[in-house]
Amino acid sequence: MLRAFSERDLLGKELNKSNVWKRIFTSRSVTLTLHLPNDIFLRANVICDDICEITEERFKLNNLVELLWKDFLDEVRRKQDVKALYKLLLDYDRGTPNVRLSKYNEESIDEVPLYPVRKNLVDHTEYVFCRLDRKDVLRGEVMLSDISKLYPQHPFHFERVLEILFIDFVSKYERGEAVNIIV
């Protein structure tokens, strides 16, 4: 049996669809819950407000999450290297505040991880509900399924990948490493 790669388990549902009516009445978008540290949440809202002022268009956290995912997905499509993708996710995951674990100090990424899929969260966490196209979430689950063929015990699920991308982006923006992203 295939494990779930998001809280919505779209891949599992797709593989088990046997009824045409289920396909017809399936929603085109999916709501996901992200867990973000308060400081990242606040800073991201400020970034979105800045974008609103510059572009004079509405720009919410959901838009930022969607842009980050699509940018990441474009990069994945260009490279098509599952091992490099897994290493990239591990590298990004190391840098996020709620996952600093001693396991990451080891060099080998082929070992079975010693951490749970949903890690303990830092104090003062904000829950962000975002809505993404179903096909984008499904693509993320397929990507994680591809990774699991080489690394069956990998710790990632789709929501965590979005959290990693989001936290990494905001942290780089704070440090001034994200240049000309709004203009």
C-alpha atoms as a PDB file:
ATOM      1  CA  MET A   1       0.000   0.000   0.000  1.00  0.00           C
ATOM      2  CA  LEU A   2       1.218   3.464  -0.924  1.00  0.00           C
ATOM      3  CA  ARG A   3       1.761   5.856   1.956  1.00  0.00           C
ATOM      4  CA  ALA A   4       0.099   9.275   1.998  1.00  0.00           C
ATOM      5  CA  PHE A   5       2.304  12.143   0.842  1.00  0.00           C
ATOM      6  CA  SER A   6      -0.012  14.900   2.078  1.00  0.00           C
ATOM      7  CA  GLU A   7      -2.807  15.233   4.581  1.00  0.00           C
ATOM      8  CA  ARG A   8      -5.229  15.116   1.626  1.00  0.00           C
ATOM      9  CA  ASP A   9      -3.671  11.945   0.105  1.00  0.00           C
ATOM     10  CA  LEU A  10      -4.665  12.900  -3.432  1.00  0.00           C
ATOM     11  CA  LEU A  11      -2.362  10.324  -5.000  1.00  0.00           C
ATOM     12  CA  GLY A  12      -3.963   7.503  -3.031  1.00  0.00           C
ATOM     13  CA  LYS A  13      -7.422   8.738  -3.958  1.00  0.00           C
ATOM     14  CA  GLU A  14      -6.475   9.009  -7.639  1.00  0.00           C
ATOM     15  CA  LEU A  15      -5.118   5.477  -7.710  1.00  0.00           C
ATOM     16  CA  ASN A  16      -8.251   4.123  -6.023  1.00  0.00           C
ATOM     17  CA  LYS A  17     -10.810   5.965  -8.150  1.00  0.00           C
ATOM     18  CA  SER A  18     -13.066   3.500  -9.828  1.00  0.00           C
ATOM     19  CA  ASN A  19     -16.170   5.577 -10.255  1.00  0.00           C
ATOM     20  CA  VAL A  20     -16.658   8.138 -13.024  1.00  0.00           C
ATOM     21  CA  TRP A  21     -18.877  10.203 -10.701  1.00  0.00           C
ATOM     22  CA  LYS A  22     -16.012  10.622  -8.240  1.00  0.00           C
ATOM     23  CA  ARG A  23     -13.914  12.110 -11.031  1.00  0.00           C
ATOM     24  CA  ILE A  24     -16.681  14.480 -12.091  1.00  0.00           C
ATOM     25  CA  PHE A  25     -17.385  15.817  -8.603  1.00  0.00           C
ATOM     26  CA  THR A  26     -13.771  16.217  -7.511  1.00  0.00           C
ATOM     27  CA  SER A  27     -12.868  19.773  -6.516  1.00  0.00           C
ATOM     28  CA  ARG A  28     -10.307  21.600  -8.650  1.00  0.00           C
ATOM     29  CA  SER A  29      -8.581  23.069  -5.599  1.00  0.00           C
ATOM     30  CA  VAL A  30      -7.392  21.762  -2.248  1.00  0.00           C
ATOM     31  CA  THR A  31      -7.050  23.509   1.108  1.00  0.00           C
ATOM     32  CA  LEU A  32      -3.857  22.737   3.016  1.00  0.00           C
ATOM     33  CA  THR A  33      -2.690  23.703   6.489  1.00  0.00           C
ATOM     34  CA  LEU A  34       0.849  24.988   6.951  1.00  0.00           C
ATOM     35  CA  HIS A  35       2.527  25.461  10.329  1.00  0.00           C
ATOM     36  CA  LEU A  36       4.789  28.505  10.387  1.00  0.00           C
ATOM     37  CA  PRO A  37       6.743  30.188  13.186  1.00  0.00           C
ATOM     38  CA  ASN A  38       5.169  33.499  14.245  1.00  0.00           C
ATOM     39  CA  ASP A  39       8.128  35.620  13.157  1.00  0.00           C
ATOM     40  CA  ILE A  40       8.120  34.059   9.679  1.00  0.00           C
ATOM     41  CA  PHE A  41       4.354  34.528   9.438  1.00  0.00           C
ATOM     42  CA  LEU A  42       4.604  38.199  10.404  1.00  0.00           C
ATOM     43  CA  ARG A  43       7.494  38.882   8.031  1.00  0.00           C
ATOM     44  CA  ALA A  44       5.680  37.138   5.171  1.00  0.00           C
ATOM     45  CA  ASN A  45       2.628  39.337   5.730  1.00  0.00           C
ATOM     46  CA  VAL A  46       4.864  42.413   5.527  1.00  0.00           C
ATOM     47  CA  ILE A  47       6.349  41.122   2.255  1.00  0.00           C
ATOM     48  CA  CYS A  48       2.840  40.589   0.868  1.00  0.00           C
ATOM     49  CA  ASP A  49       1.833  44.115   1.943  1.00  0.00           C
ATOM     50  CA  ASP A  50       4.921  45.509   0.196  1.00  0.00           C
ATOM     51  CA  ILE A  51       4.003  43.656  -2.978  1.00  0.00           C
ATOM     52  CA  CYS A  52       0.443  45.017  -2.737  1.00  0.00           C
ATOM     53  CA  GLU A  53       1.712  48.578  -2.442  1.00  0.00           C
ATOM     54  CA  ILE A  54       4.146  48.253  -5.339  1.00  0.00           C
ATOM     55  CA  THR A  55       1.849  46.407  -7.730  1.00  0.00           C
ATOM     56  CA  GLU A  56      -1.408  47.974  -6.508  1.00  0.00           C
ATOM     57  CA  GLU A  57      -2.959  44.511  -6.694  1.00  0.00           C
ATOM     58  CA  ARG A  58      -4.126  42.163  -3.996  1.00  0.00           C
ATOM     59  CA  PHE A  59      -1.387  39.731  -2.890  1.00  0.00           C
ATOM     60  CA  LYS A  60      -1.928  37.345   0.018  1.00  0.00           C
ATOM     61  CA  LEU A  61       0.085  34.603   1.694  1.00  0.00           C
ATOM     62  CA  ASN A  62      -1.732  32.082  -0.465  1.00  0.00           C
ATOM     63  CA  ASN A  63      -0.345  33.824  -3.573  1.00  0.00           C
ATOM     64  CA  LEU A  64       3.164  33.691  -2.128  1.00  0.00           C
ATOM     65  CA  VAL A  65       2.883  29.975  -1.338  1.00  0.00           C
ATOM     66  CA  GLU A  66       1.594  29.294  -4.845  1.00  0.00           C
ATOM     67  CA  LEU A  67       4.428  31.269  -6.476  1.00  0.00           C
ATOM     68  CA  LEU A  68       7.073  29.543  -4.368  1.00  0.00           C
ATOM     69  CA  TRP A  69       5.655  26.115  -5.221  1.00  0.00           C
ATOM     70  CA  LYS A  70       5.448  26.833  -8.957  1.00  0.00           C
ATOM     71  CA  ASP A  71       9.002  28.194  -8.979  1.00  0.00           C
ATOM     72  CA  PHE A  72      10.254  25.105  -7.148  1.00  0.00           C
ATOM     73  CA  LEU A  73       8.296  22.827  -9.468  1.00  0.00           C
ATOM     74  CA  ASP A  74       9.816  24.517 -12.533  1.00  0.00           C
ATOM     75  CA  GLU A  75      13.270  23.866 -11.099  1.00  0.00           C
ATOM     76  CA  VAL A  76      12.411  20.214 -10.441  1.00  0.00           C
ATOM     77  CA  ARG A  77      11.125  19.780 -13.995  1.00  0.00           C
ATOM     78  CA  ARG A  78      14.286  21.294 -15.467  1.00  0.00           C
ATOM     79  CA  LYS A  79      16.694  19.111 -13.506  1.00  0.00           C
ATOM     80  CA  GLN A  80      14.731  15.857 -13.172  1.00  0.00           C
ATOM     81  CA  ASP A  81      17.227  14.432 -10.671  1.00  0.00           C
ATOM     82  CA  VAL A  82      15.530  12.659  -7.759  1.00  0.00           C
ATOM     83  CA  LYS A  83      18.721  12.251  -5.703  1.00  0.00           C
ATOM     84  CA  ALA A  84      19.607  15.931  -6.063  1.00  0.00           C
ATOM     85  CA  LEU A  85      16.017  16.895  -5.216  1.00  0.00           C
ATOM     86  CA  TYR A  86      16.093  14.813  -2.040  1.00  0.00           C
ATOM     87  CA  LYS A  87      19.415  16.330  -1.003  1.00  0.00           C
ATOM     88  CA  LEU A  88      18.071  19.818  -1.750  1.00  0.00           C
ATOM     89  CA  LEU A  89      15.014  19.214   0.440  1.00  0.00           C
ATOM     90  CA  LEU A  90      17.236  17.905   3.237  1.00  0.00           C
ATOM     91  CA  ASP A  91      19.486  20.960   2.935  1.00  0.00           C
ATOM     92  CA  TYR A  92      16.509  23.334   3.043  1.00  0.00           C
ATOM     93  CA  ASP A  93      14.951  21.372   5.895  1.00  0.00           C
ATOM     94  CA  ARG A  94      18.125  21.707   7.967  1.00  0.00           C
ATOM     95  CA  GLY A  95      17.874  25.464   7.865  1.00  0.00           C
ATOM     96  CA  THR A  96      14.293  25.834   9.034  1.00  0.00           C
ATOM     97  CA  PRO A  97      13.872  26.690  12.714  1.00  0.00           C
ATOM     98  CA  ASN A  98      11.640  23.819  13.775  1.00  0.00           C
ATOM     99  CA  VAL A  99      13.716  20.923  12.534  1.00  0.00           C
ATOM    100  CA  ARG A 100      17.231  21.343  13.868  1.00  0.00           C
ATOM    101  CA  LEU A 101      18.035  17.761  14.744  1.00  0.00           C
ATOM    102  CA  SER A 102      21.338  16.030  15.385  1.00  0.00           C
ATOM    103  CA  LYS A 103      20.558  13.508  12.652  1.00  0.00           C
ATOM    104  CA  TYR A 104      21.250  16.195  10.073  1.00  0.00           C
ATOM    105  CA  ASN A 105      24.854  16.474  11.219  1.00  0.00           C
ATOM    106  CA  GLU A 106      25.566  13.110   9.637  1.00  0.00           C
ATOM    107  CA  GLU A 107      26.833  13.011   6.071  1.00  0.00           C
ATOM    108  CA  SER A 108      24.923  10.033   4.656  1.00  0.00           C
ATOM    109  CA  ILE A 109      21.448  10.691   3.292  1.00  0.00           C
ATOM    110  CA  ASP A 110      20.905   7.023   2.478  1.00  0.00           C
ATOM    111  CA  GLU A 111      20.226   6.007   6.081  1.00  0.00           C
ATOM    112  CA  VAL A 112      16.799   5.570   7.563  1.00  0.00           C
ATOM    113  CA  PRO A 113      15.929   8.891   9.237  1.00  0.00           C
ATOM    114  CA  LEU A 114      15.515   9.009  12.998  1.00  0.00           C
ATOM    115  CA  TYR A 115      12.860  11.712  12.981  1.00  0.00           C
ATOM    116  CA  PRO A 116       9.095  11.597  12.522  1.00  0.00           C
ATOM    117  CA  VAL A 117       7.273  12.777   9.417  1.00  0.00           C
ATOM    118  CA  ARG A 118       5.622  15.645  11.328  1.00  0.00           C
ATOM    119  CA  LYS A 119       8.276  17.142  13.572  1.00  0.00           C
ATOM    120  CA  ASN A 120       7.642  18.944  16.829  1.00  0.00           C
ATOM    121  CA  LEU A 121       6.838  22.535  16.107  1.00  0.00           C
ATOM    122  CA  VAL A 122       8.479  25.549  17.671  1.00  0.00           C
ATOM    123  CA  ASP A 123       6.502  27.528  20.227  1.00  0.00           C
ATOM    124  CA  HIS A 124       4.244  30.230  18.875  1.00  0.00           C
ATOM    125  CA  THR A 125       3.226  28.650  15.609  1.00  0.00           C
ATOM    126  CA  GLU A 126       0.722  30.157  13.200  1.00  0.00           C
ATOM    127  CA  TYR A 127      -1.566  27.966  11.147  1.00  0.00           C
ATOM    128  CA  VAL A 128      -1.875  29.176   7.584  1.00  0.00           C
ATOM    129  CA  PHE A 129      -4.627  27.777   5.397  1.00  0.00           C
ATOM    130  CA  CYS A 130      -3.832  27.977   1.725  1.00  0.00           C
ATOM    131  CA  ARG A 131      -5.702  26.852  -1.328  1.00  0.00           C
ATOM    132  CA  LEU A 132      -3.807  25.363  -4.271  1.00  0.00           C
ATOM    133  CA  ASP A 133      -4.855  23.786  -7.535  1.00  0.00           C
ATOM    134  CA  ARG A 134      -5.497  20.107  -7.078  1.00  0.00           C
ATOM    135  CA  LYS A 135      -3.184  19.250  -9.979  1.00  0.00           C
ATOM    136  CA  ASP A 136      -0.297  21.134  -8.313  1.00  0.00           C
ATOM    137  CA  VAL A 137      -0.769  19.267  -5.033  1.00  0.00           C
ATOM    138  CA  LEU A 138      -1.045  15.980  -6.910  1.00  0.00           C
ATOM    139  CA  ARG A 139       2.185  16.799  -8.770  1.00  0.00           C
ATOM    140  CA  GLY A 140       3.875  17.390  -5.422  1.00  0.00           C
ATOM    141  CA  GLU A 141       2.669  14.044  -4.121  1.00  0.00           C
ATOM    142  CA  VAL A 142       3.916  12.309  -7.270  1.00  0.00           C
ATOM    143  CA  MET A 143       7.303  13.995  -6.776  1.00  0.00           C
ATOM    144  CA  LEU A 144       7.447  12.717  -3.189  1.00  0.00           C
ATOM    145  CA  SER A 145       6.393   9.267  -4.383  1.00  0.00           C
ATOM    146  CA  ASP A 146       9.303   9.326  -6.843  1.00  0.00           C
ATOM    147  CA  ILE A 147      11.663  10.200  -3.992  1.00  0.00           C
ATOM    148  CA  SER A 148      10.260   7.347  -1.894  1.00  0.00           C
ATOM    149  CA  LYS A 149      11.285   4.844  -4.563  1.00  0.00           C
ATOM    150  CA  LEU A 150      14.939   5.679  -3.822  1.00  0.00           C
ATOM    151  CA  TYR A 151      14.509   6.722  -0.181  1.00  0.00           C
ATOM    152  CA  PRO A 152      11.518   4.755   1.171  1.00  0.00           C
ATOM    153  CA  GLN A 153      11.765   6.246   4.657  1.00  0.00           C
ATOM    154  CA  HIS A 154      12.077   9.884   3.614  1.00  0.00           C
ATOM    155  CA  PRO A 155      10.414  12.269   6.085  1.00  0.00           C
ATOM    156  CA  PHE A 156       8.718  14.640   3.665  1.00  0.00           C
ATOM    157  CA  HIS A 157       5.078  15.256   2.913  1.00  0.00           C
ATOM    158  CA  PHE A 158       3.680  17.975   0.690  1.00  0.00           C
ATOM    159  CA  GLU A 159       2.744  20.414   3.444  1.00  0.00           C
ATOM    160  CA  ARG A 160       6.242  20.152   4.920  1.00  0.00           C
ATOM    161  CA  VAL A 161       7.811  20.873   1.526  1.00  0.00           C
ATOM    162  CA  LEU A 162       5.687  24.028   1.260  1.00  0.00           C
ATOM    163  CA  GLU A 163       6.672  25.025   4.806  1.00  0.00           C
ATOM    164  CA  ILE A 164      10.346  24.497   3.981  1.00  0.00           C
ATOM    165  CA  LEU A 165      10.127  26.592   0.804  1.00  0.00           C
ATOM    166  CA  PHE A 166       8.193  29.327   2.591  1.00  0.00           C
ATOM    167  CA  ILE A 167      10.495  29.537   5.620  1.00  0.00           C
ATOM    168  CA  ASP A 168      13.611  29.387   3.447  1.00  0.00           C
ATOM    169  CA  PHE A 169      12.345  32.194   1.210  1.00  0.00           C
ATOM    170  CA  VAL A 170      11.332  34.510   4.054  1.00  0.00           C
ATOM    171  CA  SER A 171      14.594  33.847   5.920  1.00  0.00           C
ATOM    172  CA  LYS A 172      16.638  34.672   2.821  1.00  0.00           C
ATOM    173  CA  TYR A 173      14.567  37.800   2.270  1.00  0.00           C
ATOM    174  CA  GLU A 174      15.247  38.915   5.860  1.00  0.00           C
ATOM    175  CA  ARG A 175      18.988  38.429   5.382  1.00  0.00           C
ATOM    176  CA  GLY A 176      18.946  40.357   2.107  1.00  0.00           C
ATOM    177  CA  GLU A 177      19.798  37.299   0.021  1.00  0.00           C
ATOM    178  CA  ALA A 178      16.631  37.568  -2.080  1.00  0.00           C
ATOM    179  CA  VAL A 179      17.374  40.501  -4.366  1.00  0.00           C
ATOM    180  CA  ASN A 180      14.860  42.119  -6.751  1.00  0.00           C
ATOM    181  CA  ILE A 181      12.058  39.718  -5.993  1.00  0.00           C
ATOM    182  CA  ILE A 182       9.301  42.291  -5.734  1.00  0.00           C
ATOM    183  CA  VAL A 183      10.283  44.582  -8.582  1.00  0.00           C
END
